[in-house]
Amino acid sequence: MINKDSLIDALKQGVAGANHQTFPICVDSFTNLWQYEYGSLEDLPQDVDDIIASRAVELGLIELDY
């Protein structure tokens, strides 16, 4: 089983270099691997949501409502 911190670090690195086209692929790859390793996406750490949301905002893919 892959260490959760290692997976999250890989996600950080992947999305940091992602563009509009590769970002969804990177997120899909991460979630597929997480689900394979841990059986569910229900226990994703809040860090993962924050990493994905902040990069999506930076890329202009989503807007956050405050």
N, C-alpha and C. Protein backbone atom coordinates (compact mmCIF):
# COMPACT_ATOMS: atom_id res chain seq x y z
N MET A 1 0.85 -1.18 0.00
CA MET A 1 0.00 0.00 0.00
C MET A 1 0.89 1.24 0.00
N ILE A 2 0.51 2.21 -0.79
CA ILE A 2 1.27 3.46 -0.90
C ILE A 2 0.93 4.35 0.29
N ASN A 3 1.94 5.01 0.82
CA ASN A 3 1.78 5.95 1.92
C ASN A 3 0.91 7.13 1.48
N LYS A 4 -0.06 7.50 2.30
CA LYS A 4 -0.98 8.60 1.95
C LYS A 4 -0.23 9.91 1.73
N ASP A 5 0.76 10.20 2.57
CA ASP A 5 1.52 11.44 2.40
C ASP A 5 2.27 11.47 1.07
N SER A 6 2.76 10.32 0.65
CA SER A 6 3.45 10.25 -0.64
C SER A 6 2.49 10.52 -1.79
N LEU A 7 1.29 9.98 -1.69
CA LEU A 7 0.28 10.24 -2.73
C LEU A 7 -0.09 11.72 -2.78
N ILE A 8 -0.25 12.32 -1.62
CA ILE A 8 -0.62 13.74 -1.58
C ILE A 8 0.52 14.59 -2.13
N ASP A 9 1.76 14.25 -1.79
CA ASP A 9 2.91 14.98 -2.35
C ASP A 9 2.96 14.85 -3.87
N ALA A 10 2.67 13.67 -4.38
CA ALA A 10 2.63 13.48 -5.83
C ALA A 10 1.53 14.32 -6.46
N LEU A 11 0.40 14.41 -5.80
CA LEU A 11 -0.69 15.26 -6.30
C LEU A 11 -0.24 16.71 -6.36
N LYS A 12 0.38 17.19 -5.28
CA LYS A 12 0.86 18.58 -5.25
C LYS A 12 1.80 18.86 -6.41
N GLN A 13 2.73 17.96 -6.65
CA GLN A 13 3.68 18.14 -7.74
C GLN A 13 2.99 18.09 -9.10
N GLY A 14 2.05 17.17 -9.23
CA GLY A 14 1.35 17.03 -10.50
C GLY A 14 0.52 18.23 -10.86
N VAL A 15 -0.25 18.72 -9.90
CA VAL A 15 -1.13 19.86 -10.21
C VAL A 15 -0.33 21.16 -10.33
N ALA A 16 0.81 21.24 -9.66
CA ALA A 16 1.63 22.46 -9.76
C ALA A 16 2.09 22.70 -11.20
N GLY A 17 2.37 21.63 -11.91
CA GLY A 17 2.83 21.75 -13.29
C GLY A 17 1.73 21.57 -14.32
N ALA A 18 0.52 21.44 -13.86
CA ALA A 18 -0.60 21.17 -14.78
C ALA A 18 -1.10 22.44 -15.46
N ASN A 19 -1.68 22.23 -16.63
CA ASN A 19 -2.34 23.33 -17.33
C ASN A 19 -3.83 22.97 -17.46
N HIS A 20 -4.57 23.76 -18.24
CA HIS A 20 -6.01 23.53 -18.38
C HIS A 20 -6.34 22.12 -18.84
N GLN A 21 -5.52 21.58 -19.72
CA GLN A 21 -5.80 20.26 -20.27
C GLN A 21 -5.33 19.13 -19.37
N THR A 22 -4.19 19.29 -18.74
CA THR A 22 -3.62 18.19 -17.95
C THR A 22 -4.13 18.15 -16.51
N PHE A 23 -4.69 19.25 -16.02
CA PHE A 23 -5.19 19.28 -14.65
C PHE A 23 -6.24 18.20 -14.38
N PRO A 24 -7.29 18.09 -15.21
CA PRO A 24 -8.29 17.04 -14.95
C PRO A 24 -7.68 15.63 -15.01
N ILE A 25 -6.74 15.42 -15.88
CA ILE A 25 -6.08 14.12 -15.99
C ILE A 25 -5.31 13.81 -14.71
N CYS A 26 -4.61 14.79 -14.20
CA CYS A 26 -3.84 14.63 -12.98
C CYS A 26 -4.76 14.30 -11.80
N VAL A 27 -5.85 15.03 -11.69
CA VAL A 27 -6.80 14.80 -10.59
C VAL A 27 -7.44 13.41 -10.73
N ASP A 28 -7.82 13.05 -11.95
CA ASP A 28 -8.40 11.72 -12.18
C ASP A 28 -7.42 10.61 -11.82
N SER A 29 -6.17 10.77 -12.21
CA SER A 29 -5.16 9.77 -11.88
C SER A 29 -5.00 9.62 -10.38
N PHE A 30 -4.95 10.75 -9.69
CA PHE A 30 -4.82 10.71 -8.24
C PHE A 30 -6.01 10.02 -7.59
N THR A 31 -7.22 10.42 -7.99
CA THR A 31 -8.40 9.84 -7.35
C THR A 31 -8.55 8.35 -7.68
N ASN A 32 -8.19 7.96 -8.89
CA ASN A 32 -8.22 6.53 -9.24
C ASN A 32 -7.24 5.73 -8.39
N LEU A 33 -6.03 6.25 -8.22
CA LEU A 33 -5.04 5.55 -7.42
C LEU A 33 -5.45 5.51 -5.95
N TRP A 34 -5.96 6.64 -5.44
CA TRP A 34 -6.41 6.69 -4.05
C TRP A 34 -7.52 5.66 -3.82
N GLN A 35 -8.49 5.65 -4.72
CA GLN A 35 -9.61 4.72 -4.58
C GLN A 35 -9.12 3.27 -4.66
N TYR A 36 -8.18 3.00 -5.53
CA TYR A 36 -7.62 1.65 -5.64
C TYR A 36 -6.91 1.25 -4.35
N GLU A 37 -6.10 2.16 -3.83
CA GLU A 37 -5.30 1.87 -2.64
C GLU A 37 -6.14 1.80 -1.36
N TYR A 38 -7.13 2.69 -1.23
CA TYR A 38 -7.85 2.82 0.04
C TYR A 38 -9.34 2.49 -0.05
N GLY A 39 -9.80 2.14 -1.25
CA GLY A 39 -11.16 1.62 -1.40
C GLY A 39 -12.27 2.64 -1.51
N SER A 40 -11.97 3.91 -1.23
CA SER A 40 -13.03 4.91 -1.23
C SER A 40 -12.42 6.31 -1.29
N LEU A 41 -13.20 7.25 -1.79
CA LEU A 41 -12.79 8.65 -1.78
C LEU A 41 -13.39 9.40 -0.59
N GLU A 42 -14.18 8.71 0.21
CA GLU A 42 -14.88 9.38 1.30
C GLU A 42 -13.96 9.90 2.39
N ASP A 43 -12.80 9.32 2.54
CA ASP A 43 -11.89 9.73 3.61
C ASP A 43 -10.72 10.56 3.10
N LEU A 44 -10.91 11.25 1.98
CA LEU A 44 -9.84 12.11 1.49
C LEU A 44 -9.56 13.21 2.51
N PRO A 45 -8.30 13.47 2.79
CA PRO A 45 -7.98 14.56 3.71
C PRO A 45 -8.40 15.92 3.14
N GLN A 46 -8.70 16.85 4.01
CA GLN A 46 -9.09 18.20 3.57
C GLN A 46 -8.00 18.84 2.72
N ASP A 47 -6.75 18.49 2.98
CA ASP A 47 -5.63 19.02 2.20
C ASP A 47 -5.83 18.76 0.71
N VAL A 48 -6.34 17.59 0.38
CA VAL A 48 -6.53 17.22 -1.02
C VAL A 48 -7.56 18.15 -1.66
N ASP A 49 -8.67 18.37 -1.01
CA ASP A 49 -9.68 19.30 -1.53
C ASP A 49 -9.09 20.69 -1.72
N ASP A 50 -8.31 21.13 -0.74
CA ASP A 50 -7.70 22.46 -0.81
C ASP A 50 -6.72 22.57 -1.96
N ILE A 51 -5.89 21.55 -2.15
CA ILE A 51 -4.91 21.55 -3.24
C ILE A 51 -5.61 21.62 -4.59
N ILE A 52 -6.61 20.79 -4.77
CA ILE A 52 -7.33 20.74 -6.05
C ILE A 52 -8.08 22.04 -6.30
N ALA A 53 -8.79 22.53 -5.29
CA ALA A 53 -9.59 23.75 -5.46
C ALA A 53 -8.70 24.96 -5.74
N SER A 54 -7.62 25.11 -5.00
CA SER A 54 -6.78 26.29 -5.20
C SER A 54 -6.13 26.30 -6.58
N ARG A 55 -5.70 25.15 -7.05
CA ARG A 55 -5.09 25.11 -8.39
C ARG A 55 -6.14 25.31 -9.47
N ALA A 56 -7.33 24.78 -9.27
CA ALA A 56 -8.40 24.99 -10.25
C ALA A 56 -8.76 26.47 -10.34
N VAL A 57 -8.75 27.15 -9.22
CA VAL A 57 -9.01 28.60 -9.22
C VAL A 57 -7.89 29.32 -9.96
N GLU A 58 -6.63 28.97 -9.67
CA GLU A 58 -5.49 29.58 -10.35
C GLU A 58 -5.58 29.42 -11.86
N LEU A 59 -6.04 28.27 -12.29
CA LEU A 59 -6.15 28.00 -13.73
C LEU A 59 -7.41 28.61 -14.34
N GLY A 60 -8.28 29.16 -13.50
CA GLY A 60 -9.52 29.76 -13.99
C GLY A 60 -10.58 28.73 -14.36
N LEU A 61 -10.43 27.52 -13.83
CA LEU A 61 -11.38 26.46 -14.14
C LEU A 61 -12.64 26.54 -13.27
N ILE A 62 -12.49 27.10 -12.08
CA ILE A 62 -13.64 27.31 -11.20
C ILE A 62 -13.50 28.65 -10.51
N GLU A 63 -14.61 29.14 -10.01
CA GLU A 63 -14.61 30.34 -9.20
C GLU A 63 -15.20 29.98 -7.85
N LEU A 64 -14.58 30.47 -6.79
CA LEU A 64 -15.08 30.21 -5.46
C LEU A 64 -16.00 31.35 -5.03
N ASP A 65 -17.11 31.00 -4.46
CA ASP A 65 -18.03 32.00 -3.92
C ASP A 65 -17.77 32.14 -2.43
N TYR A 66 -17.48 33.35 -2.02
CA TYR A 66 -17.24 33.58 -0.60
C TYR A 66 -18.38 34.30 0.02
